[in-house]
Amino acid sequence: MKNRLKVLRAERDWSQADLAERLSVSRQTINAIETEKYDPSLPLALKMGRLFDQCVEKIFLDTEQ
């Protein structure tokens, strides 16, 4: 699933490790999501939305339409 996670993270000047710590996941998880090798669980996606103050649909783009 396409996402804007890397852009949102860069806007805040956070490393993958910084974001991982804020979300209580591993840096590898952040890398896998950013490279579209892994889709986050709904609870994790919602947590990202709260962290970036954006709705999930603005972070994750549905490419199956």
N, C-alpha and C. Protein backbone atom coordinates (compact mmCIF):
# COMPACT_ATOMS: atom_id res chain seq x y z
N MET A 1 0.85 -1.18 0.00
CA MET A 1 0.00 0.00 0.00
C MET A 1 0.89 1.24 0.00
N LYS A 2 0.62 2.14 -0.92
CA LYS A 2 1.40 3.37 -0.98
C LYS A 2 1.14 4.20 0.28
N ASN A 3 2.16 4.94 0.70
CA ASN A 3 1.99 5.77 1.89
C ASN A 3 2.90 6.98 1.83
N ARG A 4 2.61 7.95 2.68
CA ARG A 4 3.36 9.20 2.77
C ARG A 4 4.21 9.25 4.03
N LEU A 5 4.46 8.11 4.63
CA LEU A 5 5.14 8.07 5.92
C LEU A 5 6.53 8.71 5.87
N LYS A 6 7.30 8.38 4.85
CA LYS A 6 8.66 8.93 4.75
C LYS A 6 8.63 10.46 4.64
N VAL A 7 7.70 10.99 3.86
CA VAL A 7 7.57 12.44 3.70
C VAL A 7 7.19 13.09 5.02
N LEU A 8 6.20 12.53 5.69
CA LEU A 8 5.76 13.09 6.98
C LEU A 8 6.87 13.05 8.01
N ARG A 9 7.62 11.97 8.00
CA ARG A 9 8.74 11.83 8.94
C ARG A 9 9.82 12.86 8.63
N ALA A 10 10.14 13.03 7.35
CA ALA A 10 11.18 13.98 6.94
C ALA A 10 10.79 15.42 7.27
N GLU A 11 9.50 15.74 7.14
CA GLU A 11 9.03 17.10 7.47
C GLU A 11 9.31 17.45 8.92
N ARG A 12 9.38 16.44 9.76
CA ARG A 12 9.63 16.66 11.19
C ARG A 12 11.09 16.41 11.56
N ASP A 13 11.89 16.08 10.55
CA ASP A 13 13.31 15.80 10.74
C ASP A 13 13.54 14.65 11.73
N TRP A 14 12.68 13.61 11.62
CA TRP A 14 12.80 12.42 12.45
C TRP A 14 13.48 11.32 11.66
N SER A 15 14.32 10.56 12.33
CA SER A 15 14.89 9.36 11.71
C SER A 15 13.86 8.24 11.81
N GLN A 16 14.13 7.14 11.13
CA GLN A 16 13.25 5.98 11.27
C GLN A 16 13.23 5.53 12.72
N ALA A 17 14.38 5.59 13.38
CA ALA A 17 14.45 5.17 14.79
C ALA A 17 13.61 6.10 15.68
N ASP A 18 13.63 7.40 15.39
CA ASP A 18 12.82 8.35 16.16
C ASP A 18 11.34 8.01 16.05
N LEU A 19 10.90 7.79 14.83
CA LEU A 19 9.49 7.46 14.60
C LEU A 19 9.14 6.13 15.24
N ALA A 20 10.01 5.15 15.10
CA ALA A 20 9.77 3.84 15.69
C ALA A 20 9.58 3.95 17.20
N GLU A 21 10.41 4.75 17.83
CA GLU A 21 10.30 4.93 19.28
C GLU A 21 8.97 5.57 19.67
N ARG A 22 8.56 6.57 18.92
CA ARG A 22 7.28 7.25 19.19
C ARG A 22 6.09 6.31 19.02
N LEU A 23 6.24 5.33 18.12
CA LEU A 23 5.14 4.40 17.84
C LEU A 23 5.28 3.06 18.58
N SER A 24 6.37 2.90 19.31
CA SER A 24 6.64 1.65 20.05
C SER A 24 6.73 0.44 19.12
N VAL A 25 7.44 0.63 18.01
CA VAL A 25 7.71 -0.46 17.07
C VAL A 25 9.21 -0.43 16.75
N SER A 26 9.67 -1.40 15.99
CA SER A 26 11.09 -1.42 15.63
C SER A 26 11.36 -0.50 14.43
N ARG A 27 12.61 -0.11 14.28
CA ARG A 27 13.01 0.68 13.12
C ARG A 27 12.79 -0.13 11.85
N GLN A 28 12.97 -1.44 11.93
CA GLN A 28 12.76 -2.30 10.78
C GLN A 28 11.30 -2.27 10.32
N THR A 29 10.39 -2.16 11.27
CA THR A 29 8.96 -2.05 10.93
C THR A 29 8.70 -0.77 10.15
N ILE A 30 9.28 0.33 10.61
CA ILE A 30 9.11 1.61 9.89
C ILE A 30 9.69 1.49 8.49
N ASN A 31 10.86 0.91 8.36
CA ASN A 31 11.48 0.74 7.05
C ASN A 31 10.59 -0.10 6.13
N ALA A 32 10.05 -1.19 6.65
CA ALA A 32 9.20 -2.07 5.85
C ALA A 32 7.92 -1.37 5.40
N ILE A 33 7.35 -0.54 6.25
CA ILE A 33 6.15 0.21 5.87
C ILE A 33 6.50 1.24 4.81
N GLU A 34 7.59 1.99 5.01
CA GLU A 34 7.98 3.02 4.05
C GLU A 34 8.31 2.44 2.68
N THR A 35 8.87 1.26 2.64
CA THR A 35 9.23 0.63 1.36
C THR A 35 8.10 -0.24 0.81
N GLU A 36 6.94 -0.16 1.43
CA GLU A 36 5.72 -0.85 0.99
C GLU A 36 5.85 -2.37 0.98
N LYS A 37 6.68 -2.88 1.90
CA LYS A 37 6.83 -4.33 2.04
C LYS A 37 5.93 -4.88 3.14
N TYR A 38 5.32 -3.97 3.90
CA TYR A 38 4.50 -4.37 5.03
C TYR A 38 3.40 -3.33 5.21
N ASP A 39 2.18 -3.78 5.39
CA ASP A 39 1.06 -2.90 5.71
C ASP A 39 0.83 -2.95 7.21
N PRO A 40 0.75 -1.79 7.86
CA PRO A 40 0.57 -1.79 9.31
C PRO A 40 -0.82 -2.28 9.71
N SER A 41 -0.91 -2.73 10.94
CA SER A 41 -2.21 -3.10 11.49
C SER A 41 -3.05 -1.84 11.63
N LEU A 42 -4.34 -2.02 11.74
CA LEU A 42 -5.23 -0.87 11.92
C LEU A 42 -4.88 -0.07 13.17
N PRO A 43 -4.64 -0.72 14.32
CA PRO A 43 -4.26 0.08 15.50
C PRO A 43 -2.99 0.91 15.28
N LEU A 44 -2.00 0.34 14.58
CA LEU A 44 -0.77 1.09 14.31
C LEU A 44 -1.04 2.23 13.33
N ALA A 45 -1.83 2.00 12.32
CA ALA A 45 -2.17 3.06 11.36
C ALA A 45 -2.90 4.20 12.07
N LEU A 46 -3.81 3.87 12.95
CA LEU A 46 -4.53 4.91 13.70
C LEU A 46 -3.59 5.69 14.61
N LYS A 47 -2.64 4.99 15.22
CA LYS A 47 -1.64 5.64 16.08
C LYS A 47 -0.80 6.62 15.25
N MET A 48 -0.46 6.22 14.02
CA MET A 48 0.28 7.11 13.13
C MET A 48 -0.55 8.34 12.80
N GLY A 49 -1.81 8.13 12.54
CA GLY A 49 -2.70 9.25 12.25
C GLY A 49 -2.73 10.26 13.39
N ARG A 50 -2.83 9.75 14.61
CA ARG A 50 -2.84 10.64 15.78
C ARG A 50 -1.50 11.36 15.91
N LEU A 51 -0.40 10.64 15.71
CA LEU A 51 0.92 11.23 15.85
C LEU A 51 1.14 12.36 14.85
N PHE A 52 0.71 12.15 13.61
CA PHE A 52 0.90 13.15 12.56
C PHE A 52 -0.28 14.11 12.44
N ASP A 53 -1.30 13.92 13.27
CA ASP A 53 -2.51 14.75 13.25
C ASP A 53 -3.14 14.77 11.85
N GLN A 54 -3.25 13.56 11.28
CA GLN A 54 -3.85 13.41 9.96
C GLN A 54 -4.72 12.15 9.97
N CYS A 55 -5.75 12.16 9.14
CA CYS A 55 -6.56 10.95 9.04
C CYS A 55 -5.74 9.89 8.30
N VAL A 56 -6.06 8.65 8.56
CA VAL A 56 -5.32 7.52 7.99
C VAL A 56 -5.31 7.60 6.45
N GLU A 57 -6.42 8.04 5.87
CA GLU A 57 -6.52 8.13 4.42
C GLU A 57 -5.53 9.12 3.81
N LYS A 58 -5.06 10.08 4.60
CA LYS A 58 -4.08 11.05 4.11
C LYS A 58 -2.66 10.50 4.20
N ILE A 59 -2.46 9.45 4.99
CA ILE A 59 -1.15 8.83 5.14
C ILE A 59 -1.01 7.64 4.20
N PHE A 60 -2.07 6.84 4.14
CA PHE A 60 -2.05 5.62 3.32
C PHE A 60 -2.99 5.78 2.14
N LEU A 61 -2.51 5.49 0.94
CA LEU A 61 -3.28 5.70 -0.27
C LEU A 61 -3.74 4.37 -0.83
N ASP A 62 -5.01 4.24 -1.05
CA ASP A 62 -5.58 3.00 -1.60
C ASP A 62 -5.31 2.95 -3.09
N THR A 63 -4.52 2.00 -3.51
CA THR A 63 -4.13 1.89 -4.92
C THR A 63 -5.00 0.89 -5.68
N GLU A 64 -6.00 0.31 -5.03
CA GLU A 64 -6.84 -0.70 -5.66
C GLU A 64 -8.13 -0.12 -6.24
N GLN A 65 -8.23 1.15 -6.36
CA GLN A 65 -9.44 1.77 -6.90
C GLN A 65 -9.31 1.99 -8.37
